[in-house]
């Protein structure tokens, strides 16, 4: 029963940590700041976490798994490589639009993790990047894409997608799906082979 009651409080603490880490930075957010954000005494935080870094790790681990869970089914599908890449970009930006602050923390605060946790996060990131590289490699192998280095293309696609979180505004004239379509068109126009006339 106590554990069931603690979970919503833990989620409230995580949400506050996301906001504070995003806007102030991890190192400039104190345990006192976190306590005040959720209306509790600083000492009470330790009922929910052992250290501030536990919050950072959980935020980043969750964000990385959100992306993996969104893109893995796309990468495993039997669709043509160009369709898979388009849908993967759409899936990434849908997660980014819904969990914008978490993804900003993921990209900006990697250096703030302890070495062991940083290596675990990097392994997850490599798995994720590998999904995009595999889609590009598949398209090159089948002849759907022109010859291109999968790692370079994967980094270019994800670089664009990752920056999306810093400037996207939900209230703006273009939706996340509009940007996904534009991003996909931009990259696929450079990759897809066009028949010679």
N, C-alpha and C. Protein backbone atom coordinates (compact mmCIF):
# COMPACT_ATOMS: atom_id res chain seq x y z
N UNK A 1 0.83 -1.21 0.00
CA UNK A 1 0.00 0.00 0.00
C UNK A 1 0.86 1.26 0.00
N UNK A 2 1.89 1.27 0.87
CA UNK A 2 2.78 2.43 0.93
C UNK A 2 3.49 2.64 -0.38
N UNK A 3 3.88 1.53 -1.02
CA UNK A 3 4.57 1.63 -2.31
C UNK A 3 3.65 2.21 -3.37
N UNK A 4 2.37 1.80 -3.35
CA UNK A 4 1.39 2.31 -4.31
C UNK A 4 1.18 3.81 -4.13
N UNK A 5 1.20 4.25 -2.86
CA UNK A 5 1.02 5.68 -2.61
C UNK A 5 2.27 6.47 -2.99
N UNK A 6 3.45 5.83 -2.87
CA UNK A 6 4.70 6.53 -3.16
C UNK A 6 4.90 6.77 -4.65
N UNK A 7 4.31 5.90 -5.50
CA UNK A 7 4.58 5.99 -6.93
C UNK A 7 4.12 7.32 -7.54
N UNK A 8 2.88 7.78 -7.25
CA UNK A 8 2.50 9.08 -7.83
C UNK A 8 3.41 10.21 -7.36
N UNK A 9 3.85 10.15 -6.10
CA UNK A 9 4.75 11.17 -5.58
C UNK A 9 6.09 11.12 -6.30
N UNK A 10 6.56 9.90 -6.58
CA UNK A 10 7.81 9.74 -7.32
C UNK A 10 7.68 10.34 -8.72
N UNK A 11 6.53 10.09 -9.37
CA UNK A 11 6.30 10.63 -10.70
C UNK A 11 6.25 12.15 -10.67
N UNK A 12 5.66 12.70 -9.61
CA UNK A 12 5.62 14.17 -9.45
C UNK A 12 7.04 14.72 -9.30
N UNK A 13 7.86 14.01 -8.55
CA UNK A 13 9.25 14.43 -8.36
C UNK A 13 10.02 14.35 -9.68
N UNK A 14 9.79 13.30 -10.44
CA UNK A 14 10.45 13.16 -11.74
C UNK A 14 10.05 14.30 -12.68
N UNK A 15 8.75 14.62 -12.70
CA UNK A 15 8.27 15.70 -13.57
C UNK A 15 8.91 17.03 -13.18
N UNK A 16 9.04 17.27 -11.89
CA UNK A 16 9.69 18.50 -11.43
C UNK A 16 11.16 18.51 -11.81
N UNK A 17 11.81 17.37 -11.69
CA UNK A 17 13.23 17.28 -12.05
C UNK A 17 13.41 17.56 -13.55
N UNK A 18 12.53 17.04 -14.38
CA UNK A 18 12.61 17.30 -15.82
C UNK A 18 12.55 18.80 -16.08
N UNK A 19 11.59 19.48 -15.48
CA UNK A 19 11.43 20.92 -15.70
C UNK A 19 12.67 21.69 -15.23
N UNK A 20 13.14 21.36 -14.03
CA UNK A 20 14.27 22.08 -13.47
C UNK A 20 15.57 21.80 -14.21
N UNK A 21 15.82 20.53 -14.52
CA UNK A 21 17.05 20.17 -15.25
C UNK A 21 17.04 20.80 -16.63
N UNK A 22 15.87 20.88 -17.25
CA UNK A 22 15.75 21.45 -18.60
C UNK A 22 16.03 22.95 -18.58
N UNK A 23 15.49 23.65 -17.60
CA UNK A 23 15.57 25.11 -17.62
C UNK A 23 16.72 25.68 -16.81
N UNK A 24 17.16 24.97 -15.77
CA UNK A 24 18.28 25.47 -14.97
C UNK A 24 19.57 24.71 -15.23
N UNK A 25 19.44 23.47 -15.68
CA UNK A 25 20.60 22.60 -15.80
C UNK A 25 20.70 21.70 -14.58
N UNK A 26 21.26 20.54 -14.78
CA UNK A 26 21.36 19.55 -13.70
C UNK A 26 22.19 20.08 -12.54
N UNK A 27 23.36 20.61 -12.83
CA UNK A 27 24.27 21.02 -11.77
C UNK A 27 23.78 22.26 -11.02
N UNK A 28 22.97 23.08 -11.67
CA UNK A 28 22.45 24.28 -11.01
C UNK A 28 21.11 24.04 -10.31
N UNK A 29 20.66 22.80 -10.31
CA UNK A 29 19.44 22.43 -9.58
C UNK A 29 19.85 21.71 -8.30
N UNK A 30 19.43 22.25 -7.17
CA UNK A 30 19.79 21.64 -5.89
C UNK A 30 18.67 20.72 -5.39
N UNK A 31 19.00 19.91 -4.40
CA UNK A 31 17.98 19.08 -3.78
C UNK A 31 16.90 19.96 -3.13
N UNK A 32 17.32 21.12 -2.61
CA UNK A 32 16.35 22.05 -2.04
C UNK A 32 15.38 22.55 -3.11
N UNK A 33 15.91 22.85 -4.30
CA UNK A 33 15.04 23.27 -5.42
C UNK A 33 14.01 22.19 -5.73
N UNK A 34 14.46 20.96 -5.77
CA UNK A 34 13.55 19.84 -6.07
C UNK A 34 12.49 19.70 -4.99
N UNK A 35 12.93 19.80 -3.74
CA UNK A 35 11.99 19.68 -2.62
C UNK A 35 10.92 20.78 -2.69
N UNK A 36 11.36 22.00 -2.93
CA UNK A 36 10.41 23.12 -3.01
C UNK A 36 9.44 22.95 -4.18
N UNK A 37 9.93 22.39 -5.28
CA UNK A 37 9.09 22.23 -6.47
C UNK A 37 7.93 21.26 -6.24
N UNK A 38 8.11 20.32 -5.31
CA UNK A 38 7.05 19.34 -5.05
C UNK A 38 6.43 19.55 -3.67
N UNK A 39 6.82 20.63 -3.00
CA UNK A 39 6.21 20.97 -1.73
C UNK A 39 6.49 20.01 -0.59
N UNK A 40 7.73 19.60 -0.48
CA UNK A 40 8.10 18.73 0.63
C UNK A 40 9.42 19.18 1.24
N UNK A 41 9.73 18.65 2.40
CA UNK A 41 11.00 18.92 3.05
C UNK A 41 12.12 18.22 2.30
N UNK A 42 13.27 18.86 2.30
CA UNK A 42 14.41 18.27 1.59
C UNK A 42 14.71 16.85 2.05
N UNK A 43 14.66 16.62 3.34
CA UNK A 43 14.95 15.28 3.85
C UNK A 43 13.97 14.22 3.37
N UNK A 44 12.74 14.65 3.07
CA UNK A 44 11.73 13.69 2.61
C UNK A 44 12.03 13.14 1.22
N UNK A 45 12.85 13.86 0.44
CA UNK A 45 13.20 13.38 -0.91
C UNK A 45 13.86 12.01 -0.86
N UNK A 46 14.57 11.75 0.21
CA UNK A 46 15.34 10.51 0.29
C UNK A 46 14.46 9.29 0.55
N UNK A 47 13.16 9.50 0.74
CA UNK A 47 12.22 8.37 0.75
C UNK A 47 12.00 7.86 -0.67
N UNK A 48 12.31 8.70 -1.66
CA UNK A 48 12.01 8.39 -3.05
C UNK A 48 13.27 8.14 -3.89
N UNK A 49 14.37 8.79 -3.53
CA UNK A 49 15.62 8.63 -4.28
C UNK A 49 16.79 8.59 -3.29
N UNK A 50 17.87 8.00 -3.73
CA UNK A 50 19.08 8.00 -2.90
C UNK A 50 19.96 9.20 -3.21
N UNK A 51 19.92 9.68 -4.45
CA UNK A 51 20.77 10.80 -4.86
C UNK A 51 20.11 11.51 -6.04
N UNK A 52 20.49 12.76 -6.24
CA UNK A 52 19.94 13.55 -7.35
C UNK A 52 20.19 12.86 -8.69
N UNK A 53 21.34 12.22 -8.83
CA UNK A 53 21.66 11.58 -10.10
C UNK A 53 20.68 10.46 -10.45
N UNK A 54 20.05 9.87 -9.43
CA UNK A 54 19.05 8.83 -9.71
C UNK A 54 17.92 9.38 -10.57
N UNK A 55 17.53 10.62 -10.30
CA UNK A 55 16.48 11.26 -11.10
C UNK A 55 16.96 11.49 -12.53
N UNK A 56 18.17 12.00 -12.66
CA UNK A 56 18.72 12.24 -14.00
C UNK A 56 18.78 10.95 -14.79
N UNK A 57 19.26 9.89 -14.16
CA UNK A 57 19.36 8.60 -14.85
C UNK A 57 17.99 8.10 -15.29
N UNK A 58 17.01 8.18 -14.40
CA UNK A 58 15.68 7.67 -14.75
C UNK A 58 15.07 8.47 -15.89
N UNK A 59 15.25 9.78 -15.87
CA UNK A 59 14.74 10.62 -16.96
C UNK A 59 15.37 10.21 -18.29
N UNK A 60 16.68 10.07 -18.29
CA UNK A 60 17.39 9.78 -19.54
C UNK A 60 17.13 8.36 -20.02
N UNK A 61 17.09 7.42 -19.10
CA UNK A 61 16.81 6.03 -19.46
C UNK A 61 15.41 5.90 -20.04
N UNK A 62 14.46 6.54 -19.42
CA UNK A 62 13.08 6.52 -19.94
C UNK A 62 13.01 7.13 -21.33
N UNK A 63 13.65 8.28 -21.50
CA UNK A 63 13.61 8.96 -22.80
C UNK A 63 14.20 8.08 -23.89
N UNK A 64 15.33 7.44 -23.58
CA UNK A 64 15.97 6.59 -24.58
C UNK A 64 15.10 5.39 -24.92
N UNK A 65 14.44 4.82 -23.91
CA UNK A 65 13.57 3.67 -24.18
C UNK A 65 12.29 4.08 -24.90
N UNK A 66 11.81 5.30 -24.67
CA UNK A 66 10.66 5.77 -25.45
C UNK A 66 11.00 5.78 -26.94
N UNK A 67 12.20 6.29 -27.26
CA UNK A 67 12.62 6.33 -28.67
C UNK A 67 12.79 4.92 -29.23
N UNK A 68 13.46 4.06 -28.49
CA UNK A 68 13.67 2.69 -28.95
C UNK A 68 12.34 1.98 -29.18
N UNK A 69 11.42 2.12 -28.23
CA UNK A 69 10.13 1.44 -28.35
C UNK A 69 9.32 1.96 -29.54
N UNK A 70 9.51 3.23 -29.89
CA UNK A 70 8.78 3.81 -31.02
C UNK A 70 9.35 3.38 -32.36
N UNK A 71 10.67 3.25 -32.43
CA UNK A 71 11.32 3.01 -33.73
C UNK A 71 11.60 1.54 -34.01
N UNK A 72 11.80 0.73 -32.98
CA UNK A 72 12.12 -0.69 -33.21
C UNK A 72 11.08 -1.41 -34.07
N UNK A 73 9.77 -1.25 -33.83
CA UNK A 73 8.80 -1.93 -34.69
C UNK A 73 8.86 -1.48 -36.15
N UNK A 74 9.17 -0.21 -36.34
CA UNK A 74 9.31 0.33 -37.70
C UNK A 74 10.50 -0.33 -38.40
N UNK A 75 11.63 -0.38 -37.70
CA UNK A 75 12.83 -0.96 -38.29
C UNK A 75 12.66 -2.45 -38.58
N UNK A 76 11.84 -3.13 -37.78
CA UNK A 76 11.65 -4.58 -37.96
C UNK A 76 10.58 -4.92 -38.99
N UNK A 77 9.89 -3.92 -39.51
CA UNK A 77 8.81 -4.18 -40.46
C UNK A 77 9.36 -4.60 -41.82
N UNK A 78 8.47 -5.04 -42.68
CA UNK A 78 8.87 -5.49 -44.02
C UNK A 78 8.68 -4.42 -45.08
N UNK A 79 8.45 -3.21 -44.64
CA UNK A 79 8.27 -2.10 -45.59
C UNK A 79 9.58 -1.81 -46.32
N UNK A 80 9.53 -1.18 -47.48
CA UNK A 80 10.76 -0.75 -48.16
C UNK A 80 11.56 0.19 -47.27
N UNK A 81 12.85 0.23 -47.50
CA UNK A 81 13.73 1.03 -46.65
C UNK A 81 13.32 2.50 -46.60
N UNK A 82 12.90 3.06 -47.71
CA UNK A 82 12.52 4.47 -47.73
C UNK A 82 11.29 4.72 -46.85
N UNK A 83 10.35 3.78 -46.88
CA UNK A 83 9.16 3.93 -46.05
C UNK A 83 9.51 3.76 -44.57
N UNK A 84 10.39 2.81 -44.29
CA UNK A 84 10.81 2.61 -42.91
C UNK A 84 11.52 3.85 -42.37
N UNK A 85 12.41 4.43 -43.17
CA UNK A 85 13.13 5.62 -42.72
C UNK A 85 12.17 6.78 -42.48
N UNK A 86 11.22 6.94 -43.38
CA UNK A 86 10.21 8.00 -43.21
C UNK A 86 9.43 7.79 -41.92
N UNK A 87 8.97 6.58 -41.69
CA UNK A 87 8.17 6.29 -40.50
C UNK A 87 9.01 6.39 -39.23
N UNK A 88 10.29 6.05 -39.32
CA UNK A 88 11.18 6.17 -38.15
C UNK A 88 11.36 7.64 -37.77
N UNK A 89 11.54 8.51 -38.76
CA UNK A 89 11.65 9.94 -38.49
C UNK A 89 10.36 10.45 -37.85
N UNK A 90 9.22 10.02 -38.40
CA UNK A 90 7.92 10.42 -37.83
C UNK A 90 7.80 9.95 -36.38
N UNK A 91 8.21 8.71 -36.12
CA UNK A 91 8.11 8.16 -34.76
C UNK A 91 9.01 8.93 -33.80
N UNK A 92 10.22 9.24 -34.23
CA UNK A 92 11.15 9.99 -33.38
C UNK A 92 10.58 11.36 -33.04
N UNK A 93 10.09 12.07 -34.05
CA UNK A 93 9.59 13.42 -33.80
C UNK A 93 8.29 13.42 -33.00
N UNK A 94 7.50 12.35 -33.12
CA UNK A 94 6.29 12.25 -32.29
C UNK A 94 6.67 12.14 -30.82
N UNK A 95 7.68 11.31 -30.53
CA UNK A 95 8.17 11.20 -29.16
C UNK A 95 8.77 12.53 -28.71
N UNK A 96 9.55 13.16 -29.58
CA UNK A 96 10.21 14.42 -29.24
C UNK A 96 9.21 15.53 -28.95
N UNK A 97 8.12 15.56 -29.70
CA UNK A 97 7.11 16.59 -29.47
C UNK A 97 6.37 16.37 -28.16
N UNK A 98 6.12 15.11 -27.83
CA UNK A 98 5.37 14.79 -26.62
C UNK A 98 6.22 14.88 -25.36
N UNK A 99 7.53 14.59 -25.50
CA UNK A 99 8.42 14.55 -24.34
C UNK A 99 9.64 15.44 -24.59
N UNK A 100 9.35 16.65 -25.00
CA UNK A 100 10.40 17.56 -25.45
C UNK A 100 11.46 17.82 -24.38
N UNK A 101 11.03 18.15 -23.18
CA UNK A 101 11.99 18.48 -22.12
C UNK A 101 12.85 17.29 -21.75
N UNK A 102 12.24 16.10 -21.69
CA UNK A 102 13.01 14.90 -21.36
C UNK A 102 14.12 14.66 -22.38
N UNK A 103 13.79 14.87 -23.67
CA UNK A 103 14.79 14.64 -24.70
C UNK A 103 15.88 15.70 -24.69
N UNK A 104 15.53 16.94 -24.33
CA UNK A 104 16.57 17.96 -24.18
C UNK A 104 17.53 17.56 -23.07
N UNK A 105 16.99 17.11 -21.93
CA UNK A 105 17.83 16.65 -20.83
C UNK A 105 18.70 15.49 -21.29
N UNK A 106 18.13 14.57 -22.04
CA UNK A 106 18.87 13.42 -22.56
C UNK A 106 20.08 13.87 -23.37
N UNK A 107 19.91 14.84 -24.24
CA UNK A 107 21.00 15.26 -25.12
C UNK A 107 22.01 16.17 -24.43
N UNK A 108 21.53 17.01 -23.52
CA UNK A 108 22.39 18.03 -22.94
C UNK A 108 23.16 17.53 -21.72
N UNK A 109 22.55 16.64 -20.95
CA UNK A 109 23.13 16.29 -19.65
C UNK A 109 23.85 14.94 -19.62
N UNK A 110 24.14 14.37 -20.76
CA UNK A 110 24.84 13.09 -20.79
C UNK A 110 26.15 13.15 -19.99
N UNK A 111 26.83 14.26 -20.10
CA UNK A 111 28.13 14.43 -19.42
C UNK A 111 27.98 14.46 -17.90
N UNK A 112 26.77 14.68 -17.42
CA UNK A 112 26.55 14.79 -15.98
C UNK A 112 26.36 13.44 -15.30
N UNK A 113 26.20 12.39 -16.07
CA UNK A 113 26.06 11.05 -15.49
C UNK A 113 27.40 10.53 -15.00
N UNK A 114 27.36 9.66 -14.02
CA UNK A 114 28.58 8.96 -13.60
C UNK A 114 29.07 8.11 -14.77
N UNK A 115 30.33 7.73 -14.74
CA UNK A 115 30.92 7.01 -15.87
C UNK A 115 30.17 5.72 -16.18
N UNK A 116 29.82 4.97 -15.16
CA UNK A 116 29.12 3.69 -15.41
C UNK A 116 27.78 3.92 -16.08
N UNK A 117 27.02 4.86 -15.56
CA UNK A 117 25.72 5.14 -16.15
C UNK A 117 25.86 5.77 -17.52
N UNK A 118 26.85 6.61 -17.72
CA UNK A 118 27.07 7.20 -19.04
C UNK A 118 27.34 6.12 -20.08
N UNK A 119 28.13 5.13 -19.72
CA UNK A 119 28.43 4.04 -20.65
C UNK A 119 27.18 3.22 -20.96
N UNK A 120 26.34 3.02 -19.96
CA UNK A 120 25.09 2.29 -20.19
C UNK A 120 24.18 3.07 -21.13
N UNK A 121 24.13 4.38 -20.92
CA UNK A 121 23.30 5.23 -21.79
C UNK A 121 23.85 5.27 -23.20
N UNK A 122 25.17 5.34 -23.32
CA UNK A 122 25.79 5.34 -24.65
C UNK A 122 25.51 4.05 -25.39
N UNK A 123 25.47 2.93 -24.67
CA UNK A 123 25.16 1.65 -25.31
C UNK A 123 23.73 1.66 -25.84
N UNK A 124 22.80 2.23 -25.08
CA UNK A 124 21.42 2.36 -25.56
C UNK A 124 21.35 3.28 -26.77
N UNK A 125 22.09 4.38 -26.73
CA UNK A 125 22.10 5.31 -27.86
C UNK A 125 22.68 4.66 -29.10
N UNK A 126 23.73 3.85 -28.92
CA UNK A 126 24.31 3.14 -30.07
C UNK A 126 23.31 2.17 -30.68
N UNK A 127 22.54 1.49 -29.82
CA UNK A 127 21.50 0.58 -30.33
C UNK A 127 20.48 1.36 -31.16
N UNK A 128 20.12 2.52 -30.65
CA UNK A 128 19.12 3.33 -31.35
C UNK A 128 19.66 3.84 -32.69
N UNK A 129 20.86 4.39 -32.66
CA UNK A 129 21.47 4.86 -33.90
C UNK A 129 21.63 3.71 -34.89
N UNK A 130 21.90 2.52 -34.37
CA UNK A 130 22.06 1.35 -35.22
C UNK A 130 20.81 1.02 -36.01
N UNK A 131 19.64 1.32 -35.47
CA UNK A 131 18.40 1.08 -36.20
C UNK A 131 18.35 1.93 -37.47
N UNK A 132 18.76 3.18 -37.36
CA UNK A 132 18.76 4.08 -38.52
C UNK A 132 19.84 3.68 -39.52
N UNK A 133 21.02 3.32 -39.01
CA UNK A 133 22.09 2.88 -39.92
C UNK A 133 21.65 1.63 -40.69
N UNK A 134 20.97 0.73 -40.01
CA UNK A 134 20.53 -0.52 -40.67
C UNK A 134 19.51 -0.23 -41.76
N UNK A 135 18.63 0.73 -41.54
CA UNK A 135 17.64 1.07 -42.57
C UNK A 135 18.32 1.64 -43.80
N UNK A 136 19.31 2.50 -43.57
CA UNK A 136 20.04 3.08 -44.70
C UNK A 136 20.83 2.00 -45.42
N UNK A 137 21.51 1.15 -44.66
CA UNK A 137 22.30 0.08 -45.27
C UNK A 137 21.41 -0.85 -46.09
N UNK A 138 20.23 -1.13 -45.58
CA UNK A 138 19.29 -1.98 -46.33
C UNK A 138 18.90 -1.35 -47.65
N UNK A 139 18.60 -0.04 -47.62
CA UNK A 139 18.22 0.65 -48.84
C UNK A 139 19.35 0.68 -49.86
N UNK A 140 20.58 0.85 -49.37
CA UNK A 140 21.74 0.83 -50.28
C UNK A 140 21.92 -0.55 -50.87
N UNK A 141 21.79 -1.57 -50.02
CA UNK A 141 22.00 -2.96 -50.47
C UNK A 141 20.97 -3.39 -51.51
N UNK A 142 19.72 -2.97 -51.32
CA UNK A 142 18.67 -3.37 -52.26
C UNK A 142 18.66 -2.50 -53.52
N UNK A 143 19.43 -1.42 -53.51
CA UNK A 143 19.46 -0.52 -54.66
C UNK A 143 18.41 0.56 -54.61
N UNK A 144 17.62 0.58 -53.53
CA UNK A 144 16.60 1.63 -53.41
C UNK A 144 17.26 2.98 -53.16
N UNK A 145 18.36 2.97 -52.40
CA UNK A 145 19.12 4.18 -52.12
C UNK A 145 20.39 4.19 -52.94
N UNK A 146 20.85 5.38 -53.27
CA UNK A 146 22.15 5.49 -53.92
C UNK A 146 23.24 5.10 -52.92
N UNK A 147 24.45 4.80 -53.37
CA UNK A 147 25.52 4.46 -52.44
C UNK A 147 25.75 5.60 -51.44
N UNK A 148 25.72 5.27 -50.17
CA UNK A 148 25.92 6.27 -49.12
C UNK A 148 26.41 5.55 -47.87
N UNK A 149 27.15 6.26 -47.07
CA UNK A 149 27.65 5.67 -45.83
C UNK A 149 26.54 5.68 -44.78
N UNK A 150 26.09 4.51 -44.31
CA UNK A 150 24.98 4.45 -43.36
C UNK A 150 25.24 5.22 -42.07
N UNK A 151 26.46 5.19 -41.58
CA UNK A 151 26.75 5.90 -40.33
C UNK A 151 26.61 7.40 -40.52
N UNK A 152 27.14 7.92 -41.62
CA UNK A 152 27.06 9.36 -41.89
C UNK A 152 25.61 9.79 -42.04
N UNK A 153 24.85 9.03 -42.81
CA UNK A 153 23.44 9.39 -43.03
C UNK A 153 22.67 9.30 -41.71
N UNK A 154 22.91 8.23 -40.96
CA UNK A 154 22.22 8.06 -39.68
C UNK A 154 22.48 9.21 -38.74
N UNK A 155 23.74 9.64 -38.66
CA UNK A 155 24.08 10.76 -37.79
C UNK A 155 23.44 12.07 -38.27
N UNK A 156 23.38 12.25 -39.58
CA UNK A 156 22.76 13.46 -40.13
C UNK A 156 21.27 13.50 -39.81
N UNK A 157 20.59 12.37 -40.02
CA UNK A 157 19.15 12.31 -39.74
C UNK A 157 18.88 12.55 -38.27
N UNK A 158 19.61 11.85 -37.40
CA UNK A 158 19.37 11.99 -35.97
C UNK A 158 19.81 13.35 -35.44
N UNK A 159 20.85 13.93 -36.04
CA UNK A 159 21.25 15.27 -35.64
C UNK A 159 20.13 16.27 -35.87
N UNK A 160 19.50 16.18 -37.03
CA UNK A 160 18.37 17.07 -37.33
C UNK A 160 17.21 16.80 -36.38
N UNK A 161 16.91 15.53 -36.17
CA UNK A 161 15.79 15.17 -35.29
C UNK A 161 16.05 15.61 -33.84
N UNK A 162 17.28 15.49 -33.39
CA UNK A 162 17.59 15.84 -32.01
C UNK A 162 17.50 17.34 -31.76
N UNK A 163 17.88 18.14 -32.74
CA UNK A 163 17.80 19.60 -32.57
C UNK A 163 16.36 20.08 -32.56
N UNK A 164 15.47 19.30 -33.13
CA UNK A 164 14.04 19.62 -33.17
C UNK A 164 13.52 20.01 -31.78
N UNK A 165 14.00 19.32 -30.75
CA UNK A 165 13.47 19.56 -29.40
C UNK A 165 13.82 20.95 -28.88
N UNK A 166 14.85 21.56 -29.40
CA UNK A 166 15.26 22.87 -28.87
C UNK A 166 14.49 24.04 -29.49
N UNK A 167 13.94 23.84 -30.68
CA UNK A 167 13.25 24.97 -31.30
C UNK A 167 11.79 24.72 -31.65
N UNK A 168 11.31 23.48 -31.54
CA UNK A 168 9.91 23.20 -31.86
C UNK A 168 8.98 23.85 -30.84
N UNK A 169 7.92 24.49 -31.33
CA UNK A 169 6.90 25.07 -30.48
C UNK A 169 5.54 24.49 -30.88
N UNK A 170 4.89 23.77 -29.97
CA UNK A 170 3.59 23.16 -30.31
C UNK A 170 2.56 24.17 -30.82
N UNK A 171 2.68 25.42 -30.33
CA UNK A 171 1.71 26.44 -30.73
C UNK A 171 2.07 27.10 -32.06
N UNK A 172 3.18 26.70 -32.66
CA UNK A 172 3.63 27.27 -33.93
C UNK A 172 2.76 26.86 -35.11
N UNK A 173 3.04 27.41 -36.29
CA UNK A 173 2.20 27.13 -37.46
C UNK A 173 2.35 25.72 -38.01
N UNK A 174 3.49 25.06 -37.71
CA UNK A 174 3.72 23.71 -38.21
C UNK A 174 3.69 22.70 -37.07
N UNK A 175 3.05 21.56 -37.31
CA UNK A 175 2.97 20.51 -36.31
C UNK A 175 4.20 19.62 -36.39
N UNK A 176 4.33 18.74 -35.40
CA UNK A 176 5.43 17.78 -35.42
C UNK A 176 5.36 16.90 -36.67
N UNK A 177 4.16 16.54 -37.08
CA UNK A 177 4.03 15.70 -38.28
C UNK A 177 4.41 16.48 -39.54
N UNK A 178 4.16 17.79 -39.56
CA UNK A 178 4.60 18.61 -40.69
C UNK A 178 6.13 18.60 -40.80
N UNK A 179 6.79 18.78 -39.64
CA UNK A 179 8.25 18.75 -39.64
C UNK A 179 8.77 17.37 -40.02
N UNK A 180 8.10 16.33 -39.55
CA UNK A 180 8.53 14.96 -39.88
C UNK A 180 8.48 14.74 -41.38
N UNK A 181 7.42 15.22 -42.01
CA UNK A 181 7.28 15.08 -43.46
C UNK A 181 8.38 15.85 -44.17
N UNK A 182 8.65 17.06 -43.71
CA UNK A 182 9.69 17.88 -44.34
C UNK A 182 11.07 17.27 -44.16
N UNK A 183 11.37 16.78 -42.96
CA UNK A 183 12.66 16.14 -42.70
C UNK A 183 12.83 14.92 -43.58
N UNK A 184 11.79 14.08 -43.62
CA UNK A 184 11.88 12.85 -44.41
C UNK A 184 12.07 13.17 -45.89
N UNK A 185 11.31 14.15 -46.40
CA UNK A 185 11.46 14.53 -47.80
C UNK A 185 12.88 15.00 -48.09
N UNK A 186 13.42 15.80 -47.18
CA UNK A 186 14.75 16.35 -47.36
C UNK A 186 15.80 15.25 -47.49
N UNK A 187 15.76 14.29 -46.57
CA UNK A 187 16.77 13.23 -46.59
C UNK A 187 16.51 12.21 -47.69
N UNK A 188 15.27 11.86 -47.90
CA UNK A 188 14.99 10.83 -48.90
C UNK A 188 15.23 11.33 -50.32
N UNK A 189 15.03 12.62 -50.56
CA UNK A 189 15.33 13.15 -51.89
C UNK A 189 16.82 13.01 -52.21
N UNK A 190 17.65 13.04 -51.17
CA UNK A 190 19.08 12.86 -51.38
C UNK A 190 19.50 11.40 -51.46
N UNK A 191 18.65 10.50 -50.96
CA UNK A 191 19.03 9.08 -50.89
C UNK A 191 18.43 8.22 -51.99
N UNK A 192 17.15 8.46 -52.29
CA UNK A 192 16.46 7.55 -53.19
C UNK A 192 16.96 7.71 -54.62
N UNK A 193 17.24 6.58 -55.23
CA UNK A 193 17.68 6.60 -56.63
C UNK A 193 16.54 7.07 -57.52
N UNK A 194 16.86 7.90 -58.48
CA UNK A 194 15.86 8.31 -59.46
C UNK A 194 16.19 7.63 -60.77
N UNK A 195 15.17 7.13 -61.48
CA UNK A 195 15.44 6.44 -62.75
C UNK A 195 16.02 7.40 -63.77
N UNK A 196 16.99 6.89 -64.56
CA UNK A 196 17.57 7.72 -65.61
C UNK A 196 16.58 7.89 -66.74
N UNK A 197 16.55 9.08 -67.28
CA UNK A 197 15.64 9.34 -68.40
C UNK A 197 16.37 9.21 -69.72
